[in-house]
Amino acid sequence: MLSENVKRIILEFQRNEITEHIVYKKLAEKSKGKNAEILKRISDDELRHYNR
């Protein structure tokens, strides 16, 4: 069983992943070309991390 402190830390990391996903997604939407592709890929990675 996880301690409350460990649970809190895990939730904080998870929140960071979804926040990073949103930030990179918005940046990708405002970018063009190769930069947009790279930012979209990073956004997708962050979403995968969040869902794990």
Foldseek 3Di string as FASTA:
>chain_A
DDDPVVVVVVVVLLVVLQVLLVVLQVVLVVDDDPSSVVSNVSSVVSVVVNVD
